[in-house]
Protein backbone atom coordinates (compact mmCIF):
# COMPACT_ATOMS: atom_id res chain seq x y z
CA MET A 1 -8.64 3.16 7.63
CA GLN A 2 -7.48 4.02 11.15
CA LEU A 3 -3.88 5.19 11.04
CA ASN A 4 -3.14 5.45 14.74
CA ASP A 5 -0.55 2.76 15.62
CA ALA A 6 -0.78 1.28 12.10
CA ALA A 7 2.48 0.55 10.29
CA VAL A 8 3.03 2.44 7.04
CA LEU A 9 5.63 2.28 4.27
CA VAL A 10 6.27 5.47 2.28
CA THR A 11 8.68 5.29 -0.66
CA GLY A 12 10.41 8.33 -2.12
CA ALA A 13 10.30 9.75 1.40
CA GLY A 14 13.64 11.52 1.21
CA SER A 15 12.15 14.66 -0.31
CA GLY A 16 9.12 16.30 -1.90
CA LEU A 17 5.75 14.55 -1.89
CA GLY A 18 7.05 11.46 -0.10
CA ALA A 19 8.64 13.42 2.73
CA ALA A 20 5.50 15.50 3.28
CA THR A 21 3.38 12.34 3.27
CA ALA A 22 5.62 10.59 5.78
CA GLU A 23 5.46 13.61 8.09
CA ALA A 24 1.66 13.85 7.84
CA LEU A 25 1.20 10.15 8.53
CA ALA A 26 3.54 10.28 11.54
CA ALA A 27 1.57 13.26 12.87
CA ALA A 28 -1.61 11.19 12.47
CA GLY A 29 -0.19 8.51 14.74
CA ALA A 30 1.06 6.02 12.15
CA ARG A 31 4.33 4.17 12.61
CA VAL A 32 6.18 5.17 9.48
CA VAL A 33 9.00 3.45 7.63
CA ALA A 34 10.46 5.92 5.14
CA MET A 35 12.28 4.43 2.14
CA ASP A 36 14.50 6.22 -0.38
CA LEU A 37 17.92 6.05 -2.02
CA ASN A 38 18.56 9.57 -0.68
CA ALA A 39 20.15 8.80 2.71
CA GLU A 40 20.72 12.49 3.50
CA GLY A 41 17.07 13.30 2.87
CA LEU A 42 15.95 10.38 5.03
CA ALA A 43 18.15 11.58 7.88
CA ALA A 44 16.64 15.05 7.65
CA LEU A 45 13.12 13.56 7.65
CA ALA A 46 13.89 11.41 10.72
CA ALA A 47 15.08 14.56 12.50
CA ARG A 48 11.73 16.27 11.80
CA CYS A 49 9.34 13.46 12.65
CA ASP A 50 9.06 9.96 14.10
CA ALA A 51 9.94 7.93 11.01
CA THR A 52 12.26 4.95 10.58
CA PRO A 53 14.63 5.58 7.64
CA MET A 54 15.37 2.70 5.28
CA ALA A 55 17.72 3.15 2.33
CA GLY A 56 16.62 1.09 -0.65
CA ASP A 57 15.63 0.75 -4.29
CA VAL A 58 11.91 0.31 -4.94
CA ALA A 59 12.61 -1.94 -7.93
CA SER A 60 14.62 -4.35 -5.76
CA GLU A 61 12.61 -7.22 -4.30
CA ALA A 62 15.10 -7.63 -1.45
CA ASP A 63 15.12 -3.93 -0.52
CA VAL A 64 11.34 -3.63 -0.48
CA ALA A 65 10.95 -6.89 1.44
CA THR A 66 13.39 -5.59 4.06
CA ALA A 67 11.51 -2.29 4.41
CA LEU A 68 8.17 -4.09 4.74
CA GLU A 69 9.63 -6.42 7.35
CA ALA A 70 10.76 -3.38 9.33
CA ALA A 71 7.31 -1.85 9.05
CA ALA A 72 5.63 -5.08 10.14
CA GLY A 73 7.82 -5.02 13.23
CA LEU A 74 6.21 -1.73 14.24
CA GLY A 75 2.59 -2.84 13.91
CA PRO A 76 0.06 -4.16 11.38
CA LEU A 77 0.96 -2.94 7.87
CA ARG A 78 -2.17 -1.08 6.83
CA LEU A 79 -0.85 1.43 4.28
CA ALA A 80 1.80 1.65 1.56
CA VAL A 81 2.32 4.92 -0.32
CA ASN A 82 4.38 4.88 -3.53
CA CYS A 83 6.02 8.27 -4.06
CA ALA A 84 9.40 7.20 -5.47
CA GLY A 85 9.92 8.39 -9.03
CA ILE A 86 12.15 10.05 -11.57
CA ALA A 87 11.30 12.43 -14.42
CA PRO A 88 13.85 12.15 -17.24
CA GLY A 89 13.31 14.36 -20.25
CA ALA A 90 14.29 13.48 -23.82
CA ARG A 91 12.78 13.71 -27.29
CA VAL A 92 12.02 10.61 -29.33
CA VAL A 93 14.55 11.95 -31.83
CA GLY A 94 16.69 14.83 -30.59
CA ARG A 95 19.77 16.64 -31.80
CA GLY A 96 21.94 13.81 -30.58
CA GLY A 97 19.89 11.11 -32.27
CA ALA A 98 17.22 8.69 -31.09
CA HIS A 99 15.99 8.60 -27.49
CA ASP A 100 18.42 6.66 -25.31
CA LEU A 101 16.80 3.28 -24.70
CA ALA A 102 18.48 2.82 -21.33
CA LEU A 103 16.96 6.09 -20.12
CA PHE A 104 13.49 4.93 -21.17
CA GLU A 105 14.02 1.58 -19.45
CA ARG A 106 15.20 3.30 -16.25
CA ALA A 107 12.05 5.44 -16.10
CA ILE A 108 9.89 2.34 -16.49
CA ARG A 109 11.95 0.44 -13.92
CA VAL A 110 11.73 3.09 -11.19
CA ASN A 111 8.27 4.53 -11.80
CA LEU A 112 6.29 1.50 -12.93
CA VAL A 113 8.19 -1.65 -11.96
CA GLY A 114 9.08 -0.09 -8.60
CA THR A 115 5.46 0.85 -7.92
CA PHE A 116 4.22 -2.63 -8.79
CA ASN A 117 6.98 -4.24 -6.73
CA VAL A 118 5.85 -2.37 -3.62
CA LEU A 119 2.18 -2.98 -4.39
CA ARG A 120 2.52 -6.74 -4.78
CA LEU A 121 4.70 -7.28 -1.71
CA ALA A 122 2.64 -4.95 0.50
CA ALA A 123 -0.61 -6.60 -0.61
CA GLN A 124 0.81 -10.03 0.21
CA ARG A 125 1.46 -8.91 3.78
CA MET A 126 -1.86 -7.09 4.13
CA GLN A 127 -3.80 -10.19 3.11
CA ALA A 128 -2.59 -11.96 6.25
CA LEU A 129 -3.92 -9.28 8.60
CA ASP A 130 -7.17 -9.42 10.52
CA PRO A 131 -9.83 -7.24 8.85
CA THR A 132 -10.97 -4.06 10.54
CA ALA A 133 -14.53 -2.97 11.25
CA PRO A 134 -16.97 -2.02 9.84
CA ASP A 135 -16.17 -3.01 6.22
CA GLY A 136 -13.57 -5.74 6.67
CA GLU A 137 -10.78 -3.56 5.36
CA ARG A 138 -7.23 -4.88 5.65
CA GLY A 139 -5.17 -2.20 3.98
CA VAL A 140 -4.76 0.62 1.48
CA ILE A 141 -2.15 1.12 -1.25
CA VAL A 142 -1.75 4.61 -2.74
CA ASN A 143 0.32 5.07 -5.90
CA THR A 144 1.59 8.25 -7.52
CA ALA A 145 1.10 8.85 -11.24
CA SER A 146 1.12 12.28 -12.90
CA ILE A 147 -1.13 14.37 -15.10
CA ALA A 148 1.57 13.75 -17.71
CA ALA A 149 0.05 10.27 -18.05
CA GLU A 150 -2.93 11.91 -19.78
CA ASP A 151 -1.44 15.09 -21.25
CA GLY A 152 2.26 14.39 -21.53
CA GLN A 153 4.42 17.04 -23.13
CA ILE A 154 7.08 16.88 -25.80
CA GLY A 155 10.13 15.24 -24.29
CA GLN A 156 8.12 13.27 -21.74
CA CYS A 157 7.61 9.96 -23.54
CA ALA A 158 9.47 7.89 -20.94
CA TYR A 159 7.93 9.68 -17.96
CA ALA A 160 4.39 9.78 -19.38
CA ALA A 161 4.49 6.12 -20.39
CA SER A 162 5.67 5.04 -16.95
CA LYS A 163 2.97 7.05 -15.19
CA ALA A 164 0.27 5.86 -17.60
CA GLY A 165 1.30 2.35 -16.60
CA VAL A 166 0.74 3.22 -12.94
CA MET A 167 -2.74 4.48 -13.77
CA GLY A 168 -3.42 1.34 -15.82
CA LEU A 169 -2.63 -1.09 -13.02
CA THR A 170 -4.86 0.71 -10.48
CA LEU A 171 -8.27 -0.72 -11.39
CA PRO A 172 -7.26 -4.34 -12.10
CA ALA A 173 -5.26 -4.44 -8.86
CA ALA A 174 -8.19 -2.98 -6.91
CA ARG A 175 -10.59 -5.50 -8.45
CA GLU A 176 -8.34 -8.44 -7.62
CA LEU A 177 -7.55 -7.32 -4.08
CA ALA A 178 -11.14 -6.39 -3.25
CA LYS A 179 -11.81 -9.92 -1.98
CA SER A 180 -9.06 -9.36 0.59
CA GLY A 181 -10.38 -5.98 1.72
CA ILE A 182 -7.45 -4.05 0.22
CA ARG A 183 -8.07 -0.79 -1.61
CA VAL A 184 -5.80 0.54 -4.38
CA MET A 185 -5.82 4.21 -5.36
CA THR A 186 -3.63 6.48 -7.46
CA ILE A 187 -3.05 10.21 -7.22
CA ALA A 188 -2.02 12.10 -10.38
CA PRO A 189 -0.40 15.34 -9.21
CA GLY A 190 -0.11 18.38 -11.39
CA LEU A 191 2.72 20.85 -10.87
CA PHE A 192 4.08 20.86 -7.32
CA GLU A 193 6.85 22.61 -5.42
CA THR A 194 9.38 19.78 -5.33
CA PRO A 195 13.15 19.36 -5.79
CA MET A 196 12.44 18.27 -9.39
CA LEU A 197 11.11 21.75 -10.15
CA ALA A 198 13.83 23.52 -8.16
CA GLY A 199 16.45 21.97 -10.44
CA LEU A 200 15.09 23.73 -13.55
CA PRO A 201 16.40 27.07 -14.88
CA GLU A 202 14.64 30.12 -13.41
CA ALA A 203 12.99 31.02 -16.73
CA ALA A 204 11.53 27.53 -16.98
CA GLN A 205 10.32 27.70 -13.38
CA ALA A 206 8.58 31.02 -14.05
CA ALA A 207 6.80 29.62 -17.11
CA ILE A 208 5.65 26.57 -15.17
CA ARG A 209 4.35 28.62 -12.24
CA ALA A 210 2.10 30.58 -14.61
CA LEU A 211 0.24 27.48 -15.89
CA PRO A 212 -2.27 26.39 -13.16
CA PRO A 213 -5.71 28.05 -13.63
CA PHE A 214 -6.93 28.07 -10.01
CA PRO A 215 -5.45 28.20 -7.51
CA ALA A 216 -2.97 30.02 -9.73
CA ARG A 217 0.07 28.54 -8.04
CA LEU A 218 1.97 25.30 -7.75
CA GLY A 219 0.75 22.62 -5.39
CA ARG A 220 2.36 22.24 -2.00
CA PRO A 221 3.65 18.83 -0.91
CA GLU A 222 1.49 18.97 2.21
CA GLU A 223 -1.59 19.20 -0.03
CA PHE A 224 -0.62 15.91 -1.65
CA ALA A 225 -0.20 14.44 1.83
CA ARG A 226 -3.69 15.61 2.77
CA MET A 227 -5.06 13.74 -0.24
CA VAL A 228 -3.40 10.55 1.01
CA LEU A 229 -5.05 11.07 4.40
CA ALA A 230 -8.41 11.68 2.69
CA ILE A 231 -8.10 8.42 0.74
CA CYS A 232 -7.37 6.56 3.96
CA ALA A 233 -10.40 8.13 5.65
CA ASN A 234 -12.92 7.45 2.87
CA PRO A 235 -13.55 3.72 2.26
CA LEU A 236 -15.45 4.37 -1.00
CA LEU A 237 -12.31 5.63 -2.72
CA ASN A 238 -11.02 2.60 -4.58
CA GLY A 239 -9.74 1.60 -8.01
CA THR A 240 -9.40 5.02 -9.57
CA THR A 241 -6.98 7.87 -10.22
CA LEU A 242 -7.57 11.33 -8.74
CA ARG A 243 -6.07 14.34 -10.50
CA LEU A 244 -4.70 16.91 -8.05
CA ASP A 245 -3.92 19.72 -10.46
CA SER A 246 -5.82 23.04 -10.06
CA ALA A 247 -7.69 22.23 -13.35
CA LEU A 248 -4.39 22.28 -15.22
CA ARG A 249 -4.08 20.67 -18.67
CA LEU A 250 -0.50 20.65 -19.87
CA PRO A 251 0.24 22.26 -23.26
CA PRO A 252 2.34 20.32 -25.79
């Protein structure tokens, strides 16, 4: 997929993996629309790179449609990258009682419903584009799961379930959209330097930083962005989830 002058939507672009991805895509010549609920983060991103900020909720059909319309106004929509997500933590039964159902539903709404909402509306627009040579490709959709989808820890039921859902929709979506020349891929990051981690107590951060086998450090957001670029560049990457985790397997 050629990114130069192509329109791109990146969700969760106000910070972390999404912000790094938006910056990398803009540097590659793409015309980026950056979507997030974090208006301050979007403003900071727009000051660093050529990206159009769009405040919005990924689980809202109207908000996503508006962001895609803005992207389509910049050029042919060839790429959508789903980075928006939340990571609530709660036990199935904790000291305060059973897991709050609204918290579980919110994780599913943002992480899974939001991802599918962007996927379906972006694919609809991509189907109308002229295919590109040499393979007849029309577009690429990259989703973000987590290694927690496969080795979720205690207290991660909501988060792990939502990210497992993202992994589960990858292959059937890729199979269906293949006839239209649209690829669907998912990245499952391990532990990365993001605002989510920065919000934890220092002792918890130290324990987390000691987990990755090699490289024995946390991932950097720009390394996630490079994986997005690699997926765009390699047309054989389709319908699967790639772990980006330094061989890490999370303990219980």
